Amino acid sequence: MGFLNHRKKNKEPKRVEKYGLLFCPEGNHTKIIDQIEAFFNGKSDKEINVNETDTIGQENSETNYYTLHNGDMEIVFVASGLEEEKEGKNYAKDQIGGVQGFVYSIQTEHVDIKRNLFYHLRQCNGIVQIIFRYDSASAQETVEKEKEILGPILMVAEKLQGVLTFGDGTEFFNSKGQLILNQKGNTKLDYYMPAEVQPDKDWGKDMPQETLDRKERSMAWLKEKRIYVSPWLPFLCEIEANGPAHTTREICGRAAALLAVSLYSECRLGEGMDYEQAKEFIASVMERFIVEEFLSPKEKNYLENSESTREEQIQYSWQYENLLVMEWALGLVDELPYPDNICDVGGTVRVLHPFDSLEEFEQGVSVRPYRELLDAADLIYRIDWACVDARVMGMKAPAELNAGVVMERHRSLFWLAGIDDRCAWDDVDLST
């Protein structure tokens, strides 16, 4: 039964009035109302059946409301946004800020859903008050009429990419009427992805098609893994025209340097060796691969400092993760695993065992195509954004990601692809 179909009135009805709120990305109240009006007048790409109607809509271009009614049933949409002046703006600001804070405070085991609901609300700049009224003389009639009324409300929510709440505002629903999250931390969803407010059509218009396609591949992978990432992040562009960022020898040397500092750190941390013992342990690696030639200034200072702190040793023990990336770039590892766990340290070290010299190492590998390196750099940059943003919000990384592993891969892949003007290893910018 459609919302606008006539109904037979009960003999002694009571007038019922209820309320809801819809939070949406659009921040201009006029544009919100225009979208609602266009939708119900068949001016949009999606229409509803309005056969046998009473008055379809009532609107005034100078107001911020739009009304649907059929007999005793009525829905009023009242819009406010952050782009308004004075009262409307203040109201929207207070309501949006309040609901964001409320969701953030919810304690739940469904952290990924909570995080993505928060992301959705963080993109919202407008709010629609929903007032719906009807006459009812029985519980059954109430159920039937509210079901009819809910249909158009959900359609508006879908059109505006909104999040709905009713009554006391402690439950949040998507445009299908499904519970996203409530005050008790419960949900009816297996996962939830926020609305994607896309950049303007001119965003990236001057970028090469290869760059645009790369971003789309990264975003598709992230969506498949249910990891939300802002679509407004910068593009990573090709520099291949200027030649490879690094030679095969440089990448092999970097791998060797990472092996040396990782082994040294493990000796100090895990094996309890003193400075001299640890240096002696890595001496053969240093000699075999001419590591001294490839150490960065910070790595060299670290290995020469007999008084390095435990924090420094822990930091450099993470270089096994970077070593794995170098091995992948050199074709020694088929693929980089999903970054949810630290690498197999023993397995990563053993990959370099067959090589007796830097020359033999260099001759026994083949660097992956540059665009493959850049693809991986683009993806890890966006993954790291998700990890960093979650940390800033005081939440764990999404989709079981290990933020430490992701950060180290960010470092390696940016260096390999020559991002940031082919800067030195110590100067790789890890900001997101």
Protein backbone atom coordinates (compact mmCIF):
# COMPACT_ATOMS: atom_id res chain seq x y z
CA MET A 1 0.00 0.00 0.00
CA GLY A 2 1.55 3.27 -1.06
CA PHE A 3 1.91 6.26 1.22
CA LEU A 4 -0.43 8.37 -0.84
CA ASN A 5 -3.27 5.85 -1.11
CA HIS A 6 -6.52 6.77 0.63
CA ARG A 7 -7.41 4.93 3.81
CA LYS A 8 -10.67 4.43 5.67
CA LYS A 9 -10.64 6.34 8.96
CA ASN A 10 -11.32 4.68 12.29
CA LYS A 11 -14.32 6.01 14.26
CA GLU A 12 -12.49 7.44 17.29
CA PRO A 13 -8.91 8.13 16.22
CA LYS A 14 -6.27 9.85 18.28
CA ARG A 15 -3.84 12.26 16.70
CA VAL A 16 -0.28 10.91 16.88
CA GLU A 17 2.82 13.04 16.34
CA LYS A 18 6.38 11.66 16.28
CA TYR A 19 9.82 12.95 15.37
CA GLY A 20 13.04 11.93 13.72
CA LEU A 21 16.30 13.45 12.53
CA LEU A 22 18.23 12.83 9.34
CA PHE A 23 21.90 13.81 9.17
CA CYS A 24 23.26 14.35 5.66
CA PRO A 25 26.39 15.69 3.89
CA GLU A 26 24.64 18.58 2.12
CA GLY A 27 24.96 21.75 4.21
CA ASN A 28 22.65 24.11 2.28
CA HIS A 29 19.04 23.87 3.47
CA THR A 30 17.68 25.14 0.16
CA LYS A 31 19.51 22.44 -1.78
CA ILE A 32 18.27 19.81 0.67
CA ILE A 33 14.64 20.85 0.16
CA ASP A 34 15.15 21.15 -3.59
CA GLN A 35 16.39 17.55 -3.71
CA ILE A 36 13.41 16.31 -1.73
CA GLU A 37 10.98 18.28 -3.90
CA ALA A 38 12.57 17.05 -7.12
CA PHE A 39 12.47 13.48 -5.88
CA PHE A 40 8.77 13.43 -5.10
CA ASN A 41 7.84 15.33 -8.25
CA GLY A 42 9.58 12.82 -10.47
CA LYS A 43 12.34 15.23 -11.42
CA SER A 44 15.12 12.97 -10.23
CA ASP A 45 16.47 9.78 -11.70
CA LYS A 46 14.43 7.76 -9.22
CA GLU A 47 10.66 7.94 -9.05
CA ILE A 48 7.99 6.65 -6.71
CA ASN A 49 4.51 5.53 -7.66
CA VAL A 50 2.08 8.35 -6.92
CA ASN A 51 -1.07 6.88 -8.47
CA GLU A 52 -4.40 7.82 -6.88
CA THR A 53 -2.85 10.67 -4.93
CA ASP A 54 -4.05 13.43 -2.76
CA THR A 55 -1.72 16.43 -2.65
CA ILE A 56 1.77 15.18 -3.41
CA GLY A 57 3.76 17.98 -1.90
CA GLN A 58 3.55 21.41 -0.45
CA GLU A 59 6.51 23.68 -0.60
CA ASN A 60 7.64 27.28 -0.60
CA SER A 61 10.93 28.28 -2.23
CA GLU A 62 11.46 30.84 0.51
CA THR A 63 11.15 28.34 3.35
CA ASN A 64 13.16 25.40 4.60
CA TYR A 65 10.41 22.79 4.67
CA TYR A 66 8.62 20.33 2.44
CA THR A 67 5.41 18.45 3.29
CA LEU A 68 3.95 15.17 2.09
CA HIS A 69 0.38 14.33 3.03
CA ASN A 70 -2.37 11.87 2.31
CA GLY A 71 -5.59 12.19 4.21
CA ASP A 72 -4.75 12.25 7.92
CA MET A 73 -1.13 11.21 7.33
CA GLU A 74 1.51 13.91 7.04
CA ILE A 75 5.30 14.09 6.88
CA VAL A 76 7.12 17.39 7.25
CA PHE A 77 10.81 17.70 6.37
CA VAL A 78 12.50 20.77 7.88
CA ALA A 79 16.08 21.40 6.76
CA SER A 80 18.96 23.27 8.41
CA GLY A 81 22.61 23.40 7.44
CA LEU A 82 26.02 24.73 8.30
CA GLU A 83 25.92 26.98 5.24
CA GLU A 84 23.02 29.01 6.69
CA GLU A 85 23.05 32.14 8.74
CA LYS A 86 22.34 32.52 12.44
CA GLU A 87 19.69 30.22 13.96
CA GLY A 88 19.68 27.50 11.32
CA LYS A 89 23.45 27.21 11.30
CA ASN A 90 23.68 27.17 15.08
CA TYR A 91 21.01 24.52 15.34
CA ALA A 92 22.70 22.30 12.77
CA LYS A 93 26.09 22.79 14.41
CA ASP A 94 24.79 21.86 17.84
CA GLN A 95 22.89 18.81 16.63
CA ILE A 96 25.68 17.46 14.41
CA GLY A 97 28.33 18.03 17.07
CA GLY A 98 26.12 16.43 19.68
CA VAL A 99 25.39 13.29 17.68
CA GLN A 100 29.05 12.86 16.77
CA GLY A 101 30.00 13.04 20.43
CA PHE A 102 27.24 10.61 21.37
CA VAL A 103 28.33 8.00 18.82
CA TYR A 104 31.97 8.41 19.82
CA SER A 105 31.05 7.64 23.45
CA ILE A 106 29.22 4.39 22.67
CA GLN A 107 30.97 1.33 24.07
CA THR A 108 30.74 -1.56 21.65
CA GLU A 109 32.56 -4.62 20.38
CA HIS A 110 31.54 -3.59 16.85
CA VAL A 111 34.34 -1.05 16.59
CA ASP A 112 34.54 -1.02 12.79
CA ILE A 113 30.83 -0.22 12.51
CA LYS A 114 31.09 2.49 15.15
CA ARG A 115 34.12 4.02 13.43
CA ASN A 116 32.43 4.11 10.03
CA LEU A 117 29.22 5.53 11.47
CA PHE A 118 31.34 8.24 13.06
CA TYR A 119 33.03 8.86 9.68
CA HIS A 120 29.61 9.19 8.07
CA LEU A 121 28.43 11.70 10.66
CA ARG A 122 31.70 13.58 10.40
CA GLN A 123 30.89 14.28 6.75
CA CYS A 124 27.44 15.63 7.59
CA ASN A 125 26.83 19.35 7.26
CA GLY A 126 23.04 19.34 7.24
CA ILE A 127 20.16 18.07 9.32
CA VAL A 128 16.54 17.38 8.45
CA GLN A 129 13.94 17.40 11.19
CA ILE A 130 11.21 14.90 10.38
CA ILE A 131 7.77 15.39 11.86
CA PHE A 132 5.12 12.82 11.02
CA ARG A 133 1.50 12.81 12.11
CA TYR A 134 -1.46 10.50 11.67
CA ASP A 135 -4.77 9.45 13.23
CA SER A 136 -5.01 6.04 14.83
CA ALA A 137 -7.67 4.19 16.76
CA SER A 138 -5.79 0.91 17.27
CA ALA A 139 -2.36 -0.62 17.63
CA GLN A 140 -2.77 -2.36 14.28
CA GLU A 141 -3.61 0.89 12.54
CA THR A 142 -0.56 2.52 14.13
CA VAL A 143 1.69 -0.23 12.81
CA GLU A 144 0.23 -0.02 9.32
CA LYS A 145 0.42 3.76 9.05
CA GLU A 146 3.93 4.01 10.44
CA LYS A 147 5.03 1.41 7.91
CA GLU A 148 3.56 3.55 5.13
CA ILE A 149 5.14 6.69 6.51
CA LEU A 150 8.54 5.06 6.90
CA GLY A 151 8.77 4.33 3.16
CA PRO A 152 9.14 7.94 1.96
CA ILE A 153 11.41 8.77 4.89
CA LEU A 154 13.81 5.98 3.91
CA MET A 155 13.70 7.16 0.29
CA VAL A 156 14.72 10.65 1.37
CA ALA A 157 17.50 9.18 3.52
CA GLU A 158 18.86 7.29 0.53
CA LYS A 159 18.61 10.34 -1.73
CA LEU A 160 20.47 12.53 0.76
CA GLN A 161 22.98 9.84 1.85
CA GLY A 162 21.68 10.29 5.36
CA VAL A 163 21.70 8.59 8.74
CA LEU A 164 18.37 8.41 10.57
CA THR A 165 17.41 8.49 14.20
CA PHE A 166 13.97 8.61 15.81
CA GLY A 167 12.50 9.41 19.19
CA ASP A 168 15.18 9.85 21.85
CA GLY A 169 17.98 9.65 19.25
CA THR A 170 19.77 6.65 20.76
CA GLU A 171 19.38 4.38 17.72
CA PHE A 172 20.82 5.01 14.25
CA PHE A 173 19.43 3.56 11.03
CA ASN A 174 20.53 3.40 7.40
CA SER A 175 18.35 4.12 4.37
CA LYS A 176 17.07 0.53 4.41
CA GLY A 177 15.74 0.94 7.92
CA GLN A 178 18.42 -1.34 9.39
CA LEU A 179 19.90 -0.64 12.81
CA ILE A 180 23.48 0.58 12.40
CA LEU A 181 24.20 1.06 16.09
CA ASN A 182 22.38 1.88 19.29
CA GLN A 183 23.29 3.23 22.70
CA LYS A 184 23.97 -0.28 24.00
CA GLY A 185 26.47 -0.93 21.19
CA ASN A 186 24.20 -3.36 19.33
CA THR A 187 23.82 -3.59 15.57
CA LYS A 188 21.88 -5.58 13.00
CA LEU A 189 24.62 -5.28 10.39
CA ASP A 190 27.66 -7.40 9.62
CA TYR A 191 29.46 -4.29 8.39
CA TYR A 192 28.71 -0.66 7.59
CA MET A 193 30.32 1.68 5.09
CA PRO A 194 29.74 5.44 5.33
CA ALA A 195 28.43 7.63 2.57
CA GLU A 196 31.10 8.53 0.05
CA VAL A 197 31.01 12.24 -0.60
CA GLN A 198 33.02 12.41 -3.79
CA PRO A 199 35.26 15.31 -4.85
CA ASP A 200 34.07 17.72 -7.49
CA LYS A 201 34.16 16.48 -11.07
CA ASP A 202 37.10 18.80 -11.73
CA TRP A 203 39.13 17.10 -9.00
CA GLY A 204 42.11 15.48 -10.71
CA LYS A 205 41.06 16.55 -14.21
CA ASP A 206 44.66 17.40 -15.08
CA MET A 207 45.99 14.05 -13.88
CA PRO A 208 47.12 11.34 -16.32
CA GLN A 209 44.59 8.57 -16.84
CA GLU A 210 47.04 6.08 -15.36
CA THR A 211 47.04 8.07 -12.11
CA LEU A 212 43.25 8.22 -11.98
CA ASP A 213 42.96 4.51 -12.70
CA ARG A 214 45.48 3.74 -9.97
CA LYS A 215 43.44 5.57 -7.38
CA GLU A 216 40.27 3.78 -8.50
CA ARG A 217 41.98 0.39 -8.14
CA SER A 218 43.16 1.30 -4.65
CA MET A 219 39.71 2.53 -3.60
CA ALA A 220 38.06 -0.61 -4.98
CA TRP A 221 40.45 -2.81 -2.96
CA LEU A 222 39.76 -0.78 0.18
CA LYS A 223 36.01 -1.01 -0.33
CA GLU A 224 36.26 -4.77 -0.77
CA LYS A 225 38.16 -4.97 2.55
CA ARG A 226 35.57 -2.64 4.13
CA ILE A 227 38.14 0.00 4.98
CA TYR A 228 36.88 3.56 4.68
CA VAL A 229 39.37 6.06 3.28
CA SER A 230 38.70 9.67 2.35
CA PRO A 231 38.33 10.07 -1.44
CA TRP A 232 39.98 13.50 -1.13
CA LEU A 233 43.51 12.19 -0.53
CA PRO A 234 46.17 13.31 -3.02
CA PHE A 235 47.10 11.38 -6.13
CA LEU A 236 50.46 9.64 -6.52
CA CYS A 237 51.87 10.49 -9.94
CA GLU A 238 54.32 8.77 -12.22
CA ILE A 239 57.96 9.89 -12.36
CA GLU A 240 59.17 7.09 -14.61
CA ALA A 241 59.93 9.57 -17.38
CA ASN A 242 62.90 10.69 -15.31
CA GLY A 243 64.22 7.14 -14.98
CA PRO A 244 63.85 4.61 -12.13
CA ALA A 245 63.94 6.02 -8.63
CA HIS A 246 66.64 3.52 -7.59
CA THR A 247 68.97 1.08 -9.30
CA THR A 248 68.93 -2.63 -8.60
CA ARG A 249 72.18 -2.24 -6.67
CA GLU A 250 70.71 0.52 -4.49
CA ILE A 251 67.68 -1.58 -3.63
CA CYS A 252 69.86 -4.61 -2.85
CA GLY A 253 72.09 -2.42 -0.69
CA ARG A 254 69.06 -1.02 1.12
CA ALA A 255 67.84 -4.55 1.80
CA ALA A 256 71.25 -5.49 3.19
CA ALA A 257 71.33 -2.42 5.44
CA LEU A 258 67.87 -3.25 6.77
CA LEU A 259 68.97 -6.82 7.45
CA ALA A 260 72.00 -5.60 9.41
CA VAL A 261 70.16 -3.09 11.63
CA SER A 262 67.33 -5.58 12.24
CA LEU A 263 69.68 -8.38 13.27
CA TYR A 264 71.67 -6.02 15.48
CA SER A 265 68.50 -4.82 17.19
CA GLU A 266 67.29 -8.36 17.75
CA CYS A 267 70.65 -9.27 19.28
CA ARG A 268 70.38 -6.39 21.75
CA LEU A 269 66.71 -6.91 22.58
CA GLY A 270 66.00 -10.60 22.30
CA GLU A 271 69.36 -12.20 22.92
CA GLY A 272 70.62 -9.84 25.60
CA MET A 273 73.92 -9.19 23.83
CA ASP A 274 75.99 -6.17 24.66
CA TYR A 275 77.15 -3.69 22.05
CA GLU A 276 80.36 -5.50 21.09
CA GLN A 277 78.70 -8.90 20.90
CA ALA A 278 75.91 -7.62 18.68
CA LYS A 279 78.36 -5.84 16.36
CA GLU A 280 80.42 -9.02 16.08
CA PHE A 281 77.28 -11.00 15.24
CA ILE A 282 76.43 -8.82 12.23
CA ALA A 283 80.04 -8.39 11.07
CA SER A 284 79.76 -11.10 8.42
CA VAL A 285 76.60 -9.51 6.97
CA MET A 286 78.25 -6.08 6.96
CA GLU A 287 81.25 -7.45 5.06
CA ARG A 288 79.40 -9.77 2.69
CA PHE A 289 77.06 -7.07 1.34
CA ILE A 290 79.27 -3.98 1.80
CA VAL A 291 76.56 -2.65 4.11
CA GLU A 292 78.56 0.37 5.25
CA GLU A 293 78.14 1.88 1.79
CA PHE A 294 74.34 1.79 2.03
CA LEU A 295 73.60 2.74 5.62
CA SER A 296 71.61 5.93 6.08
CA PRO A 297 73.09 8.57 8.42
CA LYS A 298 70.61 7.66 11.17
CA GLU A 299 71.31 3.94 10.80
CA LYS A 300 75.05 4.54 10.94
CA ASN A 301 74.72 6.63 14.10
CA TYR A 302 72.56 3.94 15.65
CA LEU A 303 75.05 1.14 14.96
CA GLU A 304 77.94 3.24 16.21
CA ASN A 305 76.21 4.22 19.44
CA SER A 306 77.02 1.77 22.22
CA GLU A 307 74.47 3.52 24.46
CA SER A 308 71.40 3.20 22.26
CA THR A 309 68.13 3.10 24.21
CA ARG A 310 65.67 0.24 24.34
CA GLU A 311 63.17 2.44 22.50
CA GLU A 312 65.65 2.92 19.65
CA GLN A 313 66.33 -0.80 19.52
CA ILE A 314 62.63 -1.56 19.32
CA GLN A 315 62.20 1.03 16.57
CA TYR A 316 64.95 -0.50 14.45
CA SER A 317 63.74 -4.03 15.05
CA TRP A 318 60.73 -3.06 12.92
CA GLN A 319 63.04 -2.89 9.91
CA TYR A 320 62.33 -6.54 9.20
CA GLU A 321 59.06 -5.24 7.77
CA ASN A 322 60.94 -2.97 5.40
CA LEU A 323 63.28 -5.81 4.47
CA LEU A 324 60.28 -7.90 3.41
CA VAL A 325 59.12 -5.10 1.11
CA MET A 326 62.57 -4.87 -0.49
CA GLU A 327 62.55 -8.62 -1.07
CA TRP A 328 59.16 -8.30 -2.73
CA ALA A 329 60.36 -5.40 -4.90
CA LEU A 330 63.34 -7.53 -5.99
CA GLY A 331 61.10 -10.44 -6.96
CA LEU A 332 62.29 -12.70 -4.14
CA VAL A 333 58.83 -12.74 -2.51
CA ASP A 334 55.74 -13.33 -4.64
CA GLU A 335 53.36 -11.03 -2.80
CA LEU A 336 53.04 -8.84 0.25
CA PRO A 337 50.58 -10.39 2.71
CA TYR A 338 47.65 -8.49 4.12
CA PRO A 339 49.22 -6.18 6.75
CA ASP A 340 47.48 -7.54 9.84
CA ASN A 341 50.47 -9.30 11.41
CA ILE A 342 54.22 -8.80 11.64
CA CYS A 343 56.27 -10.67 9.10
CA ASP A 344 57.84 -14.10 9.52
CA VAL A 345 61.21 -12.83 10.77
CA GLY A 346 63.06 -16.09 10.30
CA GLY A 347 61.67 -16.60 6.82
CA THR A 348 62.46 -13.04 5.83
CA VAL A 349 66.09 -13.40 6.91
CA ARG A 350 66.51 -16.74 5.14
CA VAL A 351 65.56 -15.22 1.79
CA LEU A 352 69.01 -13.59 1.60
CA HIS A 353 70.98 -16.64 2.75
CA PRO A 354 71.76 -17.94 -0.77
CA PHE A 355 73.70 -14.80 -1.71
CA ASP A 356 77.40 -14.65 -0.80
CA SER A 357 78.08 -11.12 -2.03
CA LEU A 358 76.36 -7.92 -3.11
CA GLU A 359 77.30 -8.67 -6.71
CA GLU A 360 75.73 -12.11 -6.55
CA PHE A 361 72.68 -10.59 -4.87
CA GLU A 362 72.31 -7.97 -7.58
CA GLN A 363 72.66 -10.52 -10.37
CA GLY A 364 70.14 -12.90 -8.84
CA VAL A 365 67.17 -10.53 -8.68
CA SER A 366 64.92 -8.52 -10.95
CA VAL A 367 63.20 -5.33 -9.83
CA ARG A 368 59.46 -5.23 -10.34
CA PRO A 369 58.08 -2.78 -12.94
CA TYR A 370 57.92 0.78 -11.70
CA ARG A 371 54.15 1.03 -12.04
CA GLU A 372 53.73 -2.02 -9.83
CA LEU A 373 55.80 -0.28 -7.16
CA LEU A 374 53.74 2.88 -7.54
CA ASP A 375 50.48 0.94 -7.35
CA ALA A 376 51.60 -0.58 -4.05
CA ALA A 377 52.71 2.84 -2.76
CA ASP A 378 49.35 4.39 -3.61
CA LEU A 379 47.44 1.65 -1.83
CA ILE A 380 49.58 1.64 1.32
CA TYR A 381 49.35 5.42 1.56
CA ARG A 382 45.57 5.19 1.72
CA ILE A 383 45.69 2.27 4.14
CA ASP A 384 48.01 4.24 6.41
CA TRP A 385 45.58 7.17 6.35
CA ALA A 386 42.91 4.85 7.76
CA CYS A 387 45.27 3.65 10.50
CA VAL A 388 46.48 7.12 11.45
CA ASP A 389 43.00 8.62 11.44
CA ALA A 390 41.73 5.82 13.67
CA ARG A 391 44.59 6.44 16.09
CA VAL A 392 43.84 10.16 16.18
CA MET A 393 40.26 9.29 17.12
CA GLY A 394 41.46 6.97 19.87
CA MET A 395 40.24 3.85 18.08
CA LYS A 396 42.02 0.72 16.89
CA ALA A 397 42.96 0.38 13.25
CA PRO A 398 40.18 -0.91 10.97
CA ALA A 399 39.85 -4.40 9.51
CA GLU A 400 42.43 -5.92 11.90
CA LEU A 401 45.23 -3.88 10.32
CA ASN A 402 48.53 -3.69 12.18
CA ALA A 403 49.32 0.02 12.15
CA GLY A 404 53.05 -0.54 12.76
CA VAL A 405 53.37 -2.89 9.79
CA VAL A 406 51.42 -0.48 7.59
CA MET A 407 53.62 2.47 8.55
CA GLU A 408 56.84 0.61 7.73
CA ARG A 409 55.48 -0.51 4.36
CA HIS A 410 54.54 3.11 3.73
CA ARG A 411 58.18 4.07 4.29
CA SER A 412 59.59 1.36 2.02
CA LEU A 413 57.16 1.74 -0.84
CA PHE A 414 57.45 5.53 -0.92
CA TRP A 415 61.23 5.20 -1.05
CA LEU A 416 61.05 2.56 -3.81
CA ALA A 417 58.64 4.62 -5.91
CA GLY A 418 60.60 7.83 -5.37
CA ILE A 419 57.71 9.74 -3.83
CA ASP A 420 58.59 13.15 -2.33
CA ASP A 421 61.23 14.05 -4.90
CA ARG A 422 63.16 10.81 -4.44
CA CYS A 423 64.22 11.78 -0.96
CA ALA A 424 66.76 9.82 1.09
CA TRP A 425 65.68 6.93 3.31
CA ASP A 426 65.83 9.00 6.48
CA ASP A 427 63.68 11.74 4.94
CA VAL A 428 60.68 9.73 3.71
CA ASP A 429 57.55 11.67 4.68
CA LEU A 430 55.07 9.38 6.46
CA SER A 431 52.40 12.02 6.97
CA THR A 432 48.93 11.24 5.66
